[in-house]
Amino acid sequence: EEKKEGLQYERWLKSGVGKGIQKIVQEIDDYNNACKEIALAHHCHFIDITTSQRADSHLEDFIAEDKLHPSGKEYAKWAGRLFEGIVNLIESAV
């Protein structure tokens, strides 16, 4: 299912509408890559939320009423990933 959603995202990017925002998508990717590099350089963990947001952005339950921002369900997914990361850190330290 996730692969199918990824393909839908790729098709959207190649569409006429998608071409209009490809620059923004690239800027977000560049920003995330820079953040990840900085985090790792300072021995911090980086949690990628963009991939999750993009995978779910076509699902109404994961987008807020303004059709731009994530909904509570998407934020809950991010919180779950953060929680998993914290648990993994604690378990690896024990």
Protein backbone atom coordinates (compact mmCIF):
# COMPACT_ATOMS: atom_id res chain seq x y z
CA GLU A 1 0.00 0.00 0.00
CA GLU A 2 2.79 2.44 0.88
CA LYS A 3 4.47 1.78 -2.48
CA LYS A 4 1.19 2.55 -4.27
CA GLU A 5 0.85 5.84 -2.35
CA GLY A 6 4.43 6.72 -3.28
CA LEU A 7 3.62 6.11 -6.93
CA GLN A 8 0.57 8.36 -6.66
CA TYR A 9 2.79 11.07 -5.20
CA GLU A 10 5.30 10.65 -8.04
CA ARG A 11 2.51 10.92 -10.64
CA TRP A 12 1.19 14.04 -8.94
CA LEU A 13 4.64 15.64 -9.00
CA LYS A 14 4.87 15.02 -12.74
CA SER A 15 1.41 16.44 -13.42
CA GLY A 16 0.81 20.04 -14.47
CA VAL A 17 -0.18 21.03 -10.93
CA GLY A 18 2.78 19.19 -9.46
CA LYS A 19 5.26 20.90 -11.75
CA GLY A 20 4.17 24.23 -10.29
CA ILE A 21 5.33 23.23 -6.82
CA GLN A 22 8.29 20.98 -7.60
CA LYS A 23 10.61 23.82 -6.59
CA ILE A 24 8.98 23.97 -3.15
CA VAL A 25 9.25 20.20 -2.79
CA GLN A 26 12.95 20.37 -3.67
CA GLU A 27 13.49 23.20 -1.19
CA ILE A 28 11.83 21.15 1.56
CA ASP A 29 14.03 18.17 0.67
CA ASP A 30 17.14 20.35 0.71
CA TYR A 31 16.14 21.84 4.06
CA ASN A 32 15.49 18.40 5.56
CA ASN A 33 18.82 17.10 4.27
CA ALA A 34 20.63 20.06 5.82
CA CYS A 35 18.81 19.55 9.13
CA LYS A 36 19.71 15.86 9.12
CA GLU A 37 23.38 16.61 8.44
CA ILE A 38 23.50 19.20 11.23
CA ALA A 39 21.73 16.87 13.67
CA LEU A 40 24.10 14.00 12.91
CA ALA A 41 27.14 16.28 13.12
CA HIS A 42 26.05 17.14 16.67
CA HIS A 43 25.34 13.49 17.55
CA CYS A 44 21.60 14.08 17.57
CA HIS A 45 18.90 11.96 16.01
CA PHE A 46 16.84 13.16 13.08
CA ILE A 47 13.28 12.00 12.55
CA ASP A 48 11.99 12.39 9.02
CA ILE A 49 8.34 13.45 9.07
CA THR A 50 8.15 14.68 5.49
CA THR A 51 8.01 11.18 3.98
CA SER A 52 5.06 10.32 6.21
CA GLN A 53 3.27 13.57 5.40
CA ARG A 54 3.73 13.07 1.68
CA ALA A 55 2.50 9.49 1.84
CA ASP A 56 -0.68 10.54 3.64
CA SER A 57 -1.31 13.94 2.06
CA HIS A 58 -3.94 12.51 -0.29
CA LEU A 59 -5.91 11.02 2.64
CA GLU A 60 -8.51 13.40 4.00
CA ASP A 61 -8.12 12.20 7.60
CA PHE A 62 -4.47 13.25 7.63
CA ILE A 63 -4.98 16.83 6.42
CA ALA A 64 -6.43 19.68 8.46
CA GLU A 65 -9.51 21.57 7.32
CA ASP A 66 -7.33 24.25 5.72
CA LYS A 67 -6.11 21.55 3.26
CA LEU A 68 -2.52 22.61 3.93
CA HIS A 69 -1.45 21.54 7.39
CA PRO A 70 -1.39 18.07 8.96
CA SER A 71 -4.33 16.88 11.02
CA GLY A 72 -4.18 15.47 14.52
CA LYS A 73 -3.84 11.98 13.04
CA GLU A 74 -0.66 12.94 11.22
CA TYR A 75 0.73 14.66 14.32
CA ALA A 76 -0.07 11.49 16.27
CA LYS A 77 2.00 9.47 13.80
CA TRP A 78 4.91 11.87 14.28
CA ALA A 79 4.56 11.64 18.06
CA GLY A 80 4.60 7.86 17.76
CA ARG A 81 7.85 7.97 15.80
CA LEU A 82 9.37 10.29 18.38
CA PHE A 83 8.24 7.97 21.17
CA GLU A 84 9.76 4.95 19.40
CA GLY A 85 13.03 6.84 19.00
CA ILE A 86 13.13 7.72 22.68
CA VAL A 87 12.36 4.14 23.71
CA ASN A 88 15.11 2.85 21.42
CA LEU A 89 17.60 5.29 22.93
CA ILE A 90 16.68 4.26 26.45
CA GLU A 91 16.85 0.56 25.62
CA SER A 92 20.24 0.94 23.93
CA ALA A 93 21.61 2.79 26.97
CA VAL A 94 20.58 0.04 29.40
